[in-house]
Amino acid sequence: MPRGTSVRHPLAGLTRDFHKIGPLDGPVEPWMSAELDQHAAQVCEGIVSGGAELTANTLGTYLHGFLDGCLERGWDSEGADYDWETLRILAICRLARERGFVR
């Protein structure tokens, strides 16, 4: 069985959902690729600088905390195009796929 997170894992579900609004595979516009790379690097740095390893669980925990903060501020994914929050979530989802945490 390939390494990866079960489809029941929240990280897998969100990755599947956000794939519908943004490119997680294949070519993307240069500006978006740069933005996603920068967000992914910041997420990785945030996780490992605290002494944790980048795993499906730590990335999922980061994602849940990030989403909780977004919701507390009143962010709504329905009304957002590619705002900062949406790009951050897309970067997390893309990172999860690239690292093999989700299938």
N, C-alpha and C. Protein backbone atom coordinates (compact mmCIF):
# COMPACT_ATOMS: atom_id res chain seq x y z
N MET A 1 0.85 -1.18 0.00
CA MET A 1 0.00 0.00 0.00
C MET A 1 0.89 1.23 0.00
N PRO A 2 0.60 2.22 -0.85
CA PRO A 2 1.43 3.43 -0.90
C PRO A 2 1.33 4.22 0.40
N ARG A 3 2.43 4.89 0.70
CA ARG A 3 2.47 5.75 1.87
C ARG A 3 1.51 6.91 1.64
N GLY A 4 0.76 7.27 2.65
CA GLY A 4 -0.16 8.40 2.52
C GLY A 4 -1.22 8.36 3.59
N THR A 5 -1.98 9.39 3.65
CA THR A 5 -3.00 9.55 4.66
C THR A 5 -4.31 8.96 4.17
N SER A 6 -5.00 8.33 5.06
CA SER A 6 -6.30 7.78 4.75
C SER A 6 -7.23 8.86 4.22
N VAL A 7 -8.16 8.48 3.36
CA VAL A 7 -9.11 9.46 2.84
C VAL A 7 -10.00 10.01 3.94
N ARG A 8 -10.00 9.39 5.09
CA ARG A 8 -10.80 9.90 6.21
C ARG A 8 -10.07 10.98 7.00
N HIS A 9 -8.78 11.09 6.80
CA HIS A 9 -8.00 12.10 7.51
C HIS A 9 -8.41 13.49 7.04
N PRO A 10 -8.60 14.44 7.94
CA PRO A 10 -9.03 15.79 7.55
C PRO A 10 -8.11 16.45 6.52
N LEU A 11 -6.83 16.19 6.59
CA LEU A 11 -5.90 16.76 5.63
C LEU A 11 -6.22 16.27 4.22
N ALA A 12 -6.57 15.01 4.09
CA ALA A 12 -6.93 14.45 2.78
C ALA A 12 -8.23 15.07 2.27
N GLY A 13 -9.21 15.20 3.13
CA GLY A 13 -10.49 15.79 2.72
C GLY A 13 -10.34 17.23 2.28
N LEU A 14 -9.58 17.99 3.02
CA LEU A 14 -9.40 19.40 2.66
C LEU A 14 -8.59 19.53 1.38
N THR A 15 -7.59 18.68 1.22
CA THR A 15 -6.80 18.71 -0.01
C THR A 15 -7.69 18.43 -1.21
N ARG A 16 -8.57 17.45 -1.07
CA ARG A 16 -9.50 17.12 -2.14
C ARG A 16 -10.42 18.30 -2.43
N ASP A 17 -10.95 18.93 -1.39
CA ASP A 17 -11.86 20.06 -1.56
C ASP A 17 -11.17 21.26 -2.19
N PHE A 18 -9.96 21.58 -1.74
CA PHE A 18 -9.27 22.75 -2.26
C PHE A 18 -8.68 22.52 -3.64
N HIS A 19 -8.52 21.26 -4.04
CA HIS A 19 -8.07 20.98 -5.39
C HIS A 19 -9.09 21.51 -6.41
N LYS A 20 -10.33 21.61 -5.98
CA LYS A 20 -11.40 22.11 -6.86
C LYS A 20 -11.25 23.60 -7.16
N ILE A 21 -10.63 24.35 -6.25
CA ILE A 21 -10.54 25.81 -6.46
C ILE A 21 -9.15 26.27 -6.88
N GLY A 22 -8.19 25.38 -6.79
CA GLY A 22 -6.85 25.80 -7.13
C GLY A 22 -6.02 24.67 -7.66
N PRO A 23 -5.00 24.99 -8.38
CA PRO A 23 -4.15 23.98 -8.99
C PRO A 23 -3.19 23.35 -7.98
N LEU A 24 -3.38 22.09 -7.70
CA LEU A 24 -2.45 21.40 -6.81
C LEU A 24 -1.51 20.50 -7.58
N ASP A 25 -1.83 20.22 -8.81
CA ASP A 25 -0.98 19.42 -9.68
C ASP A 25 -0.70 20.22 -10.95
N GLY A 26 0.38 19.89 -11.58
CA GLY A 26 0.64 20.46 -12.89
C GLY A 26 1.08 21.91 -12.85
N PRO A 27 1.15 22.49 -14.03
CA PRO A 27 1.67 23.86 -14.15
C PRO A 27 0.69 24.90 -13.59
N VAL A 28 1.27 25.93 -13.04
CA VAL A 28 0.49 27.06 -12.53
C VAL A 28 1.14 28.34 -13.03
N GLU A 29 0.41 29.42 -12.91
CA GLU A 29 0.96 30.72 -13.28
C GLU A 29 2.22 30.98 -12.44
N PRO A 30 3.23 31.63 -13.01
CA PRO A 30 4.46 31.88 -12.27
C PRO A 30 4.25 32.61 -10.94
N TRP A 31 3.37 33.60 -10.91
CA TRP A 31 3.16 34.35 -9.67
C TRP A 31 2.58 33.42 -8.59
N MET A 32 1.67 32.51 -8.99
CA MET A 32 1.06 31.62 -8.00
C MET A 32 2.06 30.57 -7.53
N SER A 33 2.87 30.08 -8.43
CA SER A 33 3.89 29.10 -8.05
C SER A 33 4.83 29.70 -7.01
N ALA A 34 5.24 30.94 -7.23
CA ALA A 34 6.12 31.62 -6.27
C ALA A 34 5.43 31.80 -4.93
N GLU A 35 4.17 32.22 -4.96
CA GLU A 35 3.42 32.41 -3.72
C GLU A 35 3.26 31.09 -2.96
N LEU A 36 2.89 30.02 -3.66
CA LEU A 36 2.71 28.73 -3.01
C LEU A 36 4.01 28.21 -2.43
N ASP A 37 5.10 28.37 -3.16
CA ASP A 37 6.41 27.95 -2.66
C ASP A 37 6.79 28.71 -1.40
N GLN A 38 6.54 30.03 -1.40
CA GLN A 38 6.87 30.84 -0.23
C GLN A 38 6.03 30.44 0.98
N HIS A 39 4.73 30.24 0.77
CA HIS A 39 3.86 29.80 1.87
C HIS A 39 4.30 28.43 2.39
N ALA A 40 4.60 27.51 1.49
CA ALA A 40 5.01 26.16 1.91
C ALA A 40 6.29 26.22 2.73
N ALA A 41 7.24 27.05 2.30
CA ALA A 41 8.50 27.19 3.05
C ALA A 41 8.24 27.75 4.45
N GLN A 42 7.34 28.73 4.56
CA GLN A 42 7.02 29.31 5.86
C GLN A 42 6.32 28.30 6.76
N VAL A 43 5.44 27.49 6.19
CA VAL A 43 4.76 26.47 6.97
C VAL A 43 5.76 25.44 7.48
N CYS A 44 6.63 24.96 6.60
CA CYS A 44 7.65 23.99 7.01
C CYS A 44 8.53 24.55 8.11
N GLU A 45 8.98 25.79 7.92
CA GLU A 45 9.83 26.44 8.93
C GLU A 45 9.10 26.57 10.26
N GLY A 46 7.83 26.94 10.21
CA GLY A 46 7.06 27.07 11.44
C GLY A 46 6.92 25.77 12.20
N ILE A 47 6.78 24.69 11.49
CA ILE A 47 6.63 23.38 12.14
C ILE A 47 7.96 22.89 12.69
N VAL A 48 9.01 22.91 11.88
CA VAL A 48 10.29 22.36 12.33
C VAL A 48 11.02 23.27 13.31
N SER A 49 10.77 24.57 13.26
CA SER A 49 11.45 25.46 14.21
C SER A 49 10.98 25.21 15.64
N GLY A 50 9.81 24.63 15.80
CA GLY A 50 9.32 24.27 17.12
C GLY A 50 9.81 22.92 17.59
N GLY A 51 10.69 22.29 16.79
CA GLY A 51 11.26 21.00 17.18
C GLY A 51 10.48 19.80 16.68
N ALA A 52 9.44 20.02 15.93
CA ALA A 52 8.64 18.91 15.41
C ALA A 52 9.14 18.50 14.03
N GLU A 53 8.78 17.31 13.65
CA GLU A 53 9.09 16.81 12.32
C GLU A 53 7.89 17.08 11.42
N LEU A 54 8.13 17.32 10.16
CA LEU A 54 7.02 17.53 9.22
C LEU A 54 6.43 16.16 8.86
N THR A 55 5.23 15.92 9.38
CA THR A 55 4.50 14.68 9.12
C THR A 55 3.07 15.05 8.75
N ALA A 56 2.31 14.04 8.36
CA ALA A 56 0.89 14.28 8.07
C ALA A 56 0.19 14.82 9.31
N ASN A 57 0.53 14.31 10.48
CA ASN A 57 -0.13 14.78 11.71
C ASN A 57 0.25 16.20 12.07
N THR A 58 1.53 16.54 11.97
CA THR A 58 1.92 17.91 12.32
C THR A 58 1.39 18.90 11.30
N LEU A 59 1.38 18.50 10.03
CA LEU A 59 0.83 19.39 9.01
C LEU A 59 -0.67 19.54 9.18
N GLY A 60 -1.35 18.45 9.52
CA GLY A 60 -2.79 18.51 9.79
C GLY A 60 -3.12 19.38 10.99
N THR A 61 -2.31 19.27 12.03
CA THR A 61 -2.50 20.10 13.22
C THR A 61 -2.29 21.57 12.90
N TYR A 62 -1.24 21.86 12.13
CA TYR A 62 -1.00 23.23 11.70
C TYR A 62 -2.19 23.75 10.91
N LEU A 63 -2.67 22.95 9.98
CA LEU A 63 -3.79 23.35 9.14
C LEU A 63 -5.04 23.63 9.97
N HIS A 64 -5.33 22.77 10.93
CA HIS A 64 -6.51 23.01 11.77
C HIS A 64 -6.37 24.30 12.57
N GLY A 65 -5.19 24.54 13.12
CA GLY A 65 -4.98 25.78 13.86
C GLY A 65 -5.11 27.00 12.97
N PHE A 66 -4.56 26.90 11.77
CA PHE A 66 -4.65 28.00 10.82
C PHE A 66 -6.11 28.28 10.46
N LEU A 67 -6.86 27.22 10.15
CA LEU A 67 -8.28 27.39 9.80
C LEU A 67 -9.08 27.96 10.96
N ASP A 68 -8.80 27.50 12.17
CA ASP A 68 -9.49 28.05 13.34
C ASP A 68 -9.25 29.55 13.44
N GLY A 69 -8.01 29.97 13.24
CA GLY A 69 -7.69 31.39 13.28
C GLY A 69 -8.40 32.17 12.18
N CYS A 70 -8.47 31.59 11.00
CA CYS A 70 -9.18 32.24 9.88
C CYS A 70 -10.65 32.44 10.21
N LEU A 71 -11.26 31.39 10.74
CA LEU A 71 -12.69 31.46 11.07
C LEU A 71 -12.96 32.45 12.20
N GLU A 72 -12.06 32.51 13.18
CA GLU A 72 -12.21 33.47 14.27
C GLU A 72 -12.17 34.91 13.76
N ARG A 73 -11.39 35.14 12.70
CA ARG A 73 -11.30 36.49 12.11
C ARG A 73 -12.43 36.76 11.13
N GLY A 74 -13.28 35.77 10.90
CA GLY A 74 -14.42 35.96 10.01
C GLY A 74 -14.13 35.68 8.55
N TRP A 75 -13.02 35.02 8.25
CA TRP A 75 -12.68 34.70 6.87
C TRP A 75 -13.69 33.70 6.30
N ASP A 76 -14.05 33.90 5.06
CA ASP A 76 -15.01 33.04 4.39
C ASP A 76 -14.42 32.58 3.07
N SER A 77 -14.22 31.29 2.92
CA SER A 77 -13.60 30.78 1.69
C SER A 77 -14.52 30.90 0.49
N GLU A 78 -15.79 31.05 0.70
CA GLU A 78 -16.72 31.17 -0.41
C GLU A 78 -16.54 32.49 -1.16
N GLY A 79 -16.19 33.54 -0.44
CA GLY A 79 -16.09 34.85 -1.06
C GLY A 79 -14.68 35.21 -1.48
N ALA A 80 -13.74 34.33 -1.25
CA ALA A 80 -12.34 34.66 -1.51
C ALA A 80 -11.87 34.08 -2.83
N ASP A 81 -11.15 34.88 -3.57
CA ASP A 81 -10.46 34.36 -4.75
C ASP A 81 -9.16 33.75 -4.26
N TYR A 82 -8.06 34.31 -4.66
CA TYR A 82 -6.77 33.84 -4.19
C TYR A 82 -6.20 34.83 -3.19
N ASP A 83 -6.89 35.01 -2.09
CA ASP A 83 -6.39 35.88 -1.04
C ASP A 83 -5.28 35.15 -0.26
N TRP A 84 -4.70 35.83 0.71
CA TRP A 84 -3.59 35.28 1.46
C TRP A 84 -3.95 33.96 2.12
N GLU A 85 -5.12 33.90 2.73
CA GLU A 85 -5.54 32.68 3.43
C GLU A 85 -5.74 31.51 2.46
N THR A 86 -6.37 31.79 1.33
CA THR A 86 -6.59 30.73 0.35
C THR A 86 -5.27 30.21 -0.20
N LEU A 87 -4.34 31.11 -0.48
CA LEU A 87 -3.03 30.68 -0.96
C LEU A 87 -2.30 29.85 0.08
N ARG A 88 -2.43 30.22 1.34
CA ARG A 88 -1.77 29.46 2.41
C ARG A 88 -2.34 28.05 2.48
N ILE A 89 -3.65 27.94 2.41
CA ILE A 89 -4.29 26.62 2.46
C ILE A 89 -3.92 25.79 1.24
N LEU A 90 -3.92 26.41 0.07
CA LEU A 90 -3.50 25.69 -1.14
C LEU A 90 -2.06 25.20 -1.02
N ALA A 91 -1.20 26.02 -0.45
CA ALA A 91 0.20 25.64 -0.27
C ALA A 91 0.31 24.45 0.68
N ILE A 92 -0.46 24.44 1.75
CA ILE A 92 -0.45 23.33 2.69
C ILE A 92 -0.93 22.06 2.00
N CYS A 93 -1.99 22.17 1.24
CA CYS A 93 -2.53 21.01 0.54
C CYS A 93 -1.55 20.50 -0.51
N ARG A 94 -0.92 21.41 -1.23
CA ARG A 94 0.07 21.03 -2.23
C ARG A 94 1.27 20.36 -1.57
N LEU A 95 1.70 20.90 -0.45
CA LEU A 95 2.80 20.33 0.31
C LEU A 95 2.46 18.91 0.78
N ALA A 96 1.24 18.72 1.23
CA ALA A 96 0.80 17.40 1.69
C ALA A 96 0.86 16.38 0.55
N ARG A 97 0.47 16.80 -0.63
CA ARG A 97 0.52 15.90 -1.79
C ARG A 97 1.96 15.64 -2.21
N GLU A 98 2.78 16.67 -2.25
CA GLU A 98 4.18 16.51 -2.68
C GLU A 98 4.95 15.60 -1.74
N ARG A 99 4.65 15.69 -0.45
CA ARG A 99 5.36 14.86 0.54
C ARG A 99 4.77 13.46 0.67
N GLY A 100 3.69 13.20 -0.06
CA GLY A 100 3.08 11.87 -0.01
C GLY A 100 2.20 11.64 1.20
N PHE A 101 1.79 12.72 1.86
CA PHE A 101 0.95 12.57 3.05
C PHE A 101 -0.51 12.27 2.68
N VAL A 102 -0.91 12.64 1.51
CA VAL A 102 -2.26 12.32 1.00
C VAL A 102 -2.11 11.71 -0.38
N ARG A 103 -3.08 10.91 -0.72
CA ARG A 103 -3.06 10.25 -2.03
C ARG A 103 -3.92 10.97 -3.00
